[in-house]
C-alpha atoms as a PDB file:
ATOM      1  CA  MET A   1     -79.845  25.250-206.129  1.00  0.00           C
ATOM      2  CA  SER A   2     -83.460  24.173-205.488  1.00  0.00           C
ATOM      3  CA  LEU A   3     -85.943  26.505-203.873  1.00  0.00           C
ATOM      4  CA  LYS A   4     -86.370  24.029-201.034  1.00  0.00           C
ATOM      5  CA  ARG A   5     -82.643  24.206-200.316  1.00  0.00           C
ATOM      6  CA  GLY A   6     -82.869  27.980-200.523  1.00  0.00           C
ATOM      7  CA  LEU A   7     -85.602  28.019-197.884  1.00  0.00           C
ATOM      8  CA  LEU A   8     -83.482  25.870-195.603  1.00  0.00           C
ATOM      9  CA  LEU A   9     -80.559  28.247-195.991  1.00  0.00           C
ATOM     10  CA  LEU A  10     -82.846  31.217-195.383  1.00  0.00           C
ATOM     11  CA  LEU A  11     -84.005  29.753-192.082  1.00  0.00           C
ATOM     12  CA  ALA A  12     -80.489  28.720-191.173  1.00  0.00           C
ATOM     13  CA  GLY A  13     -79.419  32.312-191.567  1.00  0.00           C
ATOM     14  CA  SER A  14     -82.302  33.408-189.382  1.00  0.00           C
ATOM     15  CA  LEU A  15     -81.017  31.097-186.678  1.00  0.00           C
ATOM     16  CA  ALA A  16     -77.572  32.639-186.847  1.00  0.00           C
ATOM     17  CA  ALA A  17     -79.010  36.135-186.665  1.00  0.00           C
ATOM     18  CA  CYS A  18     -81.395  35.241-183.871  1.00  0.00           C
ATOM     19  CA  ALA A  19     -78.479  34.099-181.734  1.00  0.00           C
ATOM     20  CA  GLN A  20     -77.605  37.784-181.387  1.00  0.00           C
ATOM     21  CA  LEU A  21     -80.921  38.832-179.825  1.00  0.00           C
ATOM     22  CA  SER A  22     -80.651  40.922-176.678  1.00  0.00           C
ATOM     23  CA  ALA A  23     -83.118  42.216-174.130  1.00  0.00           C
ATOM     24  CA  HIS A  24     -83.241  45.701-175.675  1.00  0.00           C
ATOM     25  CA  LEU A  25     -83.625  47.355-179.044  1.00  0.00           C
ATOM     26  CA  PRO A  26     -80.843  49.974-179.236  1.00  0.00           C
ATOM     27  CA  GLY A  27     -80.082  52.366-182.008  1.00  0.00           C
ATOM     28  CA  PHE A  28     -82.914  52.327-184.506  1.00  0.00           C
ATOM     29  CA  GLY A  29     -85.015  55.223-185.722  1.00  0.00           C
ATOM     30  CA  ALA A  30     -87.966  56.528-183.778  1.00  0.00           C
ATOM     31  CA  PRO A  31     -91.192  54.661-184.557  1.00  0.00           C
ATOM     32  CA  ALA A  32     -94.511  56.277-185.336  1.00  0.00           C
ATOM     33  CA  SER A  33     -96.052  57.942-182.305  1.00  0.00           C
ATOM     34  CA  ALA A  34     -98.845  55.386-181.986  1.00  0.00           C
ATOM     35  CA  LEU A  35     -96.493  52.414-182.341  1.00  0.00           C
ATOM     36  CA  VAL A  36     -95.676  50.389-179.230  1.00  0.00           C
ATOM     37  CA  LEU A  37     -92.911  47.795-179.692  1.00  0.00           C
ATOM     38  CA  PRO A  38     -92.558  44.782-177.391  1.00  0.00           C
ATOM     39  CA  ALA A  39     -89.255  43.734-175.871  1.00  0.00           C
ATOM     40  CA  PRO A  40     -87.778  40.828-177.868  1.00  0.00           C
ATOM     41  CA  LEU A  41     -87.981  37.380-176.360  1.00  0.00           C
ATOM     42  CA  SER A  42     -84.818  35.602-175.245  1.00  0.00           C
ATOM     43  CA  ASP A  43     -86.524  32.182-175.034  1.00  0.00           C
ATOM     44  CA  PHE A  44     -89.401  30.885-177.113  1.00  0.00           C
ATOM     45  CA  ARG A  45     -90.738  27.964-179.068  1.00  0.00           C
ATOM     46  CA  LEU A  46     -93.071  28.239-182.020  1.00  0.00           C
ATOM     47  CA  GLU A  47     -94.773  25.808-184.357  1.00  0.00           C
ATOM     48  CA  GLY A  48     -96.111  26.834-187.712  1.00  0.00           C
ATOM     49  CA  ARG A  49     -95.874  26.761-191.464  1.00  0.00           C
ATOM     50  CA  VAL A  50     -93.506  28.550-193.814  1.00  0.00           C
ATOM     51  CA  SER A  51     -93.473  29.067-197.570  1.00  0.00           C
ATOM     52  CA  LEU A  52     -91.209  30.764-200.087  1.00  0.00           C
ATOM     53  CA  LYS A  53     -92.081  31.921-203.597  1.00  0.00           C
ATOM     54  CA  ALA A  54     -89.484  33.099-206.087  1.00  0.00           C
ATOM     55  CA  ASN A  55     -90.770  33.856-209.561  1.00  0.00           C
ATOM     56  CA  GLU A  56     -92.509  30.631-210.658  1.00  0.00           C
ATOM     57  CA  GLU A  57     -90.968  28.363-208.012  1.00  0.00           C
ATOM     58  CA  SER A  58     -92.362  27.696-204.572  1.00  0.00           C
ATOM     59  CA  PHE A  59     -91.867  25.554-201.485  1.00  0.00           C
ATOM     60  CA  SER A  60     -93.908  25.126-198.310  1.00  0.00           C
ATOM     61  CA  GLY A  61     -93.739  23.005-195.180  1.00  0.00           C
ATOM     62  CA  GLY A  62     -94.115  22.838-191.437  1.00  0.00           C
ATOM     63  CA  MET A  63     -91.633  24.150-188.911  1.00  0.00           C
ATOM     64  CA  THR A  64     -90.749  24.042-185.237  1.00  0.00           C
ATOM     65  CA  TRP A  65     -88.369  26.764-184.017  1.00  0.00           C
ATOM     66  CA  ARG A  66     -86.818  26.865-180.544  1.00  0.00           C
ATOM     67  CA  HIS A  67     -84.652  29.785-179.436  1.00  0.00           C
ATOM     68  CA  ALA A  68     -82.858  30.062-176.095  1.00  0.00           C
ATOM     69  CA  ALA A  69     -79.724  31.735-174.734  1.00  0.00           C
ATOM     70  CA  GLY A  70     -77.866  32.087-178.034  1.00  0.00           C
ATOM     71  CA  ARG A  71     -78.781  28.581-179.207  1.00  0.00           C
ATOM     72  CA  GLN A  72     -81.330  27.695-181.845  1.00  0.00           C
ATOM     73  CA  GLU A  73     -83.002  24.580-183.178  1.00  0.00           C
ATOM     74  CA  LEU A  74     -85.321  24.449-186.149  1.00  0.00           C
ATOM     75  CA  LEU A  75     -87.028  21.408-187.627  1.00  0.00           C
ATOM     76  CA  LEU A  76     -88.613  21.507-191.081  1.00  0.00           C
ATOM     77  CA  SER A  77     -91.109  18.999-192.418  1.00  0.00           C
ATOM     78  CA  SER A  78     -92.964  18.406-195.641  1.00  0.00           C
ATOM     79  CA  PRO A  79     -96.703  19.168-195.920  1.00  0.00           C
ATOM     80  CA  LEU A  80     -97.273  15.474-195.151  1.00  0.00           C
ATOM     81  CA  GLY A  81     -95.260  15.713-191.933  1.00  0.00           C
ATOM     82  CA  GLN A  82     -92.102  13.969-193.127  1.00  0.00           C
ATOM     83  CA  GLY A  83     -88.803  15.377-191.863  1.00  0.00           C
ATOM     84  CA  VAL A  84     -86.986  17.589-194.371  1.00  0.00           C
ATOM     85  CA  ALA A  85     -84.123  19.057-192.351  1.00  0.00           C
ATOM     86  CA  GLU A  86     -82.822  19.864-188.895  1.00  0.00           C
ATOM     87  CA  LEU A  87     -81.016  23.144-188.299  1.00  0.00           C
ATOM     88  CA  ARG A  88     -78.943  24.154-185.280  1.00  0.00           C
ATOM     89  CA  GLY A  89     -77.211  27.462-184.706  1.00  0.00           C
ATOM     90  CA  ASP A  90     -75.227  29.466-182.179  1.00  0.00           C
ATOM     91  CA  GLU A  91     -72.767  32.380-182.150  1.00  0.00           C
ATOM     92  CA  GLN A  92     -70.174  30.306-184.034  1.00  0.00           C
ATOM     93  CA  GLY A  93     -72.390  29.408-186.985  1.00  0.00           C
ATOM     94  CA  VAL A  94     -75.076  27.116-188.314  1.00  0.00           C
ATOM     95  CA  GLU A  95     -75.270  23.464-189.286  1.00  0.00           C
ATOM     96  CA  LEU A  96     -77.887  21.761-191.429  1.00  0.00           C
ATOM     97  CA  ARG A  97     -78.674  18.048-191.592  1.00  0.00           C
ATOM     98  CA  ASP A  98     -80.998  17.009-194.412  1.00  0.00           C
ATOM     99  CA  ALA A  99     -83.304  14.013-194.737  1.00  0.00           C
ATOM    100  CA  GLU A 100     -80.436  11.919-196.194  1.00  0.00           C
ATOM    101  CA  GLY A 101     -78.224  12.640-193.192  1.00  0.00           C
ATOM    102  CA  ARG A 102     -75.851  14.970-195.030  1.00  0.00           C
ATOM    103  CA  LEU A 103     -74.386  17.714-192.864  1.00  0.00           C
ATOM    104  CA  ARG A 104     -73.451  21.211-193.962  1.00  0.00           C
ATOM    105  CA  ARG A 105     -71.882  23.940-191.829  1.00  0.00           C
ATOM    106  CA  ALA A 106     -71.548  27.676-192.373  1.00  0.00           C
ATOM    107  CA  VAL A 107     -70.295  30.639-190.380  1.00  0.00           C
ATOM    108  CA  ASP A 108     -71.948  33.407-192.406  1.00  0.00           C
ATOM    109  CA  ALA A 109     -75.286  32.069-193.590  1.00  0.00           C
ATOM    110  CA  GLU A 110     -76.312  35.292-195.327  1.00  0.00           C
ATOM    111  CA  ASP A 111     -73.330  35.147-197.679  1.00  0.00           C
ATOM    112  CA  LEU A 112     -73.978  31.436-198.218  1.00  0.00           C
ATOM    113  CA  VAL A 113     -77.556  32.139-199.336  1.00  0.00           C
ATOM    114  CA  ARG A 114     -76.421  34.952-201.608  1.00  0.00           C
ATOM    115  CA  GLN A 115     -73.829  32.713-203.255  1.00  0.00           C
ATOM    116  CA  ALA A 116     -76.199  29.764-203.539  1.00  0.00           C
ATOM    117  CA  LEU A 117     -79.303  31.573-204.799  1.00  0.00           C
ATOM    118  CA  GLY A 118     -77.937  34.777-206.261  1.00  0.00           C
ATOM    119  CA  VAL A 119     -80.419  36.787-204.177  1.00  0.00           C
ATOM    120  CA  THR A 120     -80.305  38.547-200.833  1.00  0.00           C
ATOM    121  CA  MET A 121     -82.640  37.147-198.181  1.00  0.00           C
ATOM    122  CA  PRO A 122     -83.711  39.011-194.998  1.00  0.00           C
ATOM    123  CA  LEU A 123     -81.839  36.695-192.656  1.00  0.00           C
ATOM    124  CA  LYS A 124     -80.950  39.255-190.013  1.00  0.00           C
ATOM    125  CA  GLY A 125     -84.358  40.861-190.061  1.00  0.00           C
ATOM    126  CA  LEU A 126     -86.512  37.760-189.875  1.00  0.00           C
ATOM    127  CA  ALA A 127     -85.155  36.869-186.452  1.00  0.00           C
ATOM    128  CA  TRP A 128     -86.580  40.165-185.135  1.00  0.00           C
ATOM    129  CA  TRP A 129     -89.674  40.441-187.296  1.00  0.00           C
ATOM    130  CA  VAL A 130     -91.045  37.138-186.041  1.00  0.00           C
ATOM    131  CA  THR A 131     -91.485  38.682-182.570  1.00  0.00           C
ATOM    132  CA  GLY A 132     -93.095  41.853-183.934  1.00  0.00           C
ATOM    133  CA  ASN A 133     -89.994  44.080-183.886  1.00  0.00           C
ATOM    134  CA  PRO A 134     -87.922  45.961-186.481  1.00  0.00           C
ATOM    135  CA  ARG A 135     -84.278  45.019-186.780  1.00  0.00           C
ATOM    136  CA  PRO A 136     -82.271  47.310-184.466  1.00  0.00           C
ATOM    137  CA  GLY A 137     -79.613  49.626-185.836  1.00  0.00           C
ATOM    138  CA  GLU A 138     -81.221  49.962-189.267  1.00  0.00           C
ATOM    139  CA  PRO A 139     -83.705  52.571-190.571  1.00  0.00           C
ATOM    140  CA  TYR A 140     -87.302  51.545-191.080  1.00  0.00           C
ATOM    141  CA  GLN A 141     -90.798  52.821-191.691  1.00  0.00           C
ATOM    142  CA  ALA A 142     -93.691  51.371-189.715  1.00  0.00           C
ATOM    143  CA  GLU A 143     -97.463  51.551-189.724  1.00  0.00           C
ATOM    144  CA  PRO A 144     -99.256  50.575-186.505  1.00  0.00           C
ATOM    145  CA  ASP A 145    -102.568  48.799-186.337  1.00  0.00           C
ATOM    146  CA  GLY A 146    -105.439  50.055-184.203  1.00  0.00           C
ATOM    147  CA  ASP A 147    -103.795  48.682-181.060  1.00  0.00           C
ATOM    148  CA  GLY A 148    -100.348  50.185-181.694  1.00  0.00           C
ATOM    149  CA  ARG A 149     -98.755  46.946-182.881  1.00  0.00           C
ATOM    150  CA  LEU A 150     -96.820  46.570-186.103  1.00  0.00           C
ATOM    151  CA  ALA A 151     -99.157  46.259-189.069  1.00  0.00           C
ATOM    152  CA  VAL A 152     -96.723  47.063-191.890  1.00  0.00           C
ATOM    153  CA  LEU A 153     -92.937  47.372-191.676  1.00  0.00           C
ATOM    154  CA  SER A 154     -90.564  48.474-194.443  1.00  0.00           C
ATOM    155  CA  GLN A 155     -86.942  47.592-193.709  1.00  0.00           C
ATOM    156  CA  ASP A 156     -83.877  46.272-195.527  1.00  0.00           C
ATOM    157  CA  GLY A 157     -85.713  46.563-198.862  1.00  0.00           C
ATOM    158  CA  TRP A 158     -88.572  44.347-197.661  1.00  0.00           C
ATOM    159  CA  ARG A 159     -92.211  45.107-196.883  1.00  0.00           C
ATOM    160  CA  ILE A 160     -93.554  42.943-194.064  1.00  0.00           C
ATOM    161  CA  GLU A 161     -97.223  42.682-193.161  1.00  0.00           C
ATOM    162  CA  PHE A 162     -98.186  41.490-189.674  1.00  0.00           C
ATOM    163  CA  SER A 163    -101.544  40.041-188.662  1.00  0.00           C
ATOM    164  CA  ARG A 164    -103.349  37.513-186.450  1.00  0.00           C
ATOM    165  CA  TYR A 165    -101.916  38.832-183.197  1.00  0.00           C
ATOM    166  CA  ALA A 166    -102.660  36.713-180.144  1.00  0.00           C
ATOM    167  CA  GLN A 167    -101.914  36.909-176.441  1.00  0.00           C
ATOM    168  CA  VAL A 168     -99.785  34.108-174.993  1.00  0.00           C
ATOM    169  CA  GLY A 169     -98.384  34.144-171.465  1.00  0.00           C
ATOM    170  CA  GLY A 170     -99.019  37.845-170.994  1.00  0.00           C
ATOM    171  CA  ARG A 171     -97.382  38.816-174.303  1.00  0.00           C
ATOM    172  CA  ILE A 172     -98.783  39.629-177.726  1.00  0.00           C
ATOM    173  CA  PHE A 173     -97.299  37.791-180.715  1.00  0.00           C
ATOM    174  CA  PRO A 174     -97.933  38.115-184.452  1.00  0.00           C
ATOM    175  CA  GLY A 175     -99.468  34.971-185.847  1.00  0.00           C
ATOM    176  CA  LYS A 176     -98.756  35.692-189.507  1.00  0.00           C
ATOM    177  CA  LEU A 177     -95.990  37.486-191.410  1.00  0.00           C
ATOM    178  CA  VAL A 178     -95.871  38.105-195.144  1.00  0.00           C
ATOM    179  CA  ALA A 179     -92.550  39.544-196.338  1.00  0.00           C
ATOM    180  CA  ARG A 180     -92.175  40.718-199.925  1.00  0.00           C
ATOM    181  CA  ARG A 181     -89.270  42.185-201.873  1.00  0.00           C
ATOM    182  CA  GLY A 182     -90.486  43.649-205.127  1.00  0.00           C
ATOM    183  CA  ASP A 183     -92.364  41.179-207.279  1.00  0.00           C
ATOM    184  CA  ASP A 184     -89.790  38.383-207.207  1.00  0.00           C
ATOM    185  CA  LEU A 185     -89.680  37.119-203.612  1.00  0.00           C
ATOM    186  CA  GLU A 186     -92.335  36.355-201.017  1.00  0.00           C
ATOM    187  CA  ILE A 187     -91.984  34.653-197.643  1.00  0.00           C
ATOM    188  CA  ARG A 188     -94.996  33.634-195.576  1.00  0.00           C
ATOM    189  CA  LEU A 189     -94.803  32.490-191.982  1.00  0.00           C
ATOM    190  CA  VAL A 190     -97.906  31.359-190.108  1.00  0.00           C
ATOM    191  CA  VAL A 191     -97.470  30.556-186.411  1.00  0.00           C
ATOM    192  CA  ASP A 192     -99.917  27.989-185.086  1.00  0.00           C
ATOM    193  CA  LYS A 193     -98.500  27.867-181.559  1.00  0.00           C
ATOM    194  CA  TRP A 194     -96.337  30.228-179.487  1.00  0.00           C
ATOM    195  CA  GLU A 195     -94.675  29.096-176.255  1.00  0.00           C
ATOM    196  CA  PRO A 196     -92.587  31.808-174.536  1.00  0.00           C
ATOM    197  CA  GLY A 197     -89.855  30.884-172.096  1.00  0.00           C
ATOM    198  CA  GLN A 198     -88.885  27.538-173.597  1.00  0.00           C
ATOM    199  CA  GLU A 199     -85.337  26.551-172.685  1.00  0.00           C
ATOM    200  CA  LEU A 200     -83.301  24.119-174.719  1.00  0.00           C
ATOM    201  CA  PRO A 201     -82.067  21.041-172.836  1.00  0.00           C
END
């Protein structure tokens, strides 16, 4: 399984997890006293760049992610702007269409990634982390920045660093996430453009 395929499956799993977002964050441990967590977004669109490093392999490319009302769409492109894959997800599962037009479907993307790569990726967490929130229902440790936003989050065996916060439409979003698990896996997500409240047609 190539690392590029692994990145596609990672993001596909994030789509499936993100379909379960709600308007509240129930049931997780109390954050640090200075930490102020935003409510998760139900609708958004972001454009950015994503990369994955595993040992000596790496892959990077552009991405456009749209999330709305339990439906997701994510487009991946090469560094030169050529289409790599199109991902769509909802409560029933995820489908992936690659540049050759081949279609793959999965109900449980996290198990699919584990079987394909032999590693566990933070699929459920990434859908929450991208909006500056811990994953609800699971323990975590958090360090706030000077403004009370997430600076460092440890959850699900991953350490995630947040930076480049920016205000868009009255909300504050992280512009960069770096997630690491030990010395073997690193995921970087840089958001170039946030658009809250984007509904899918």
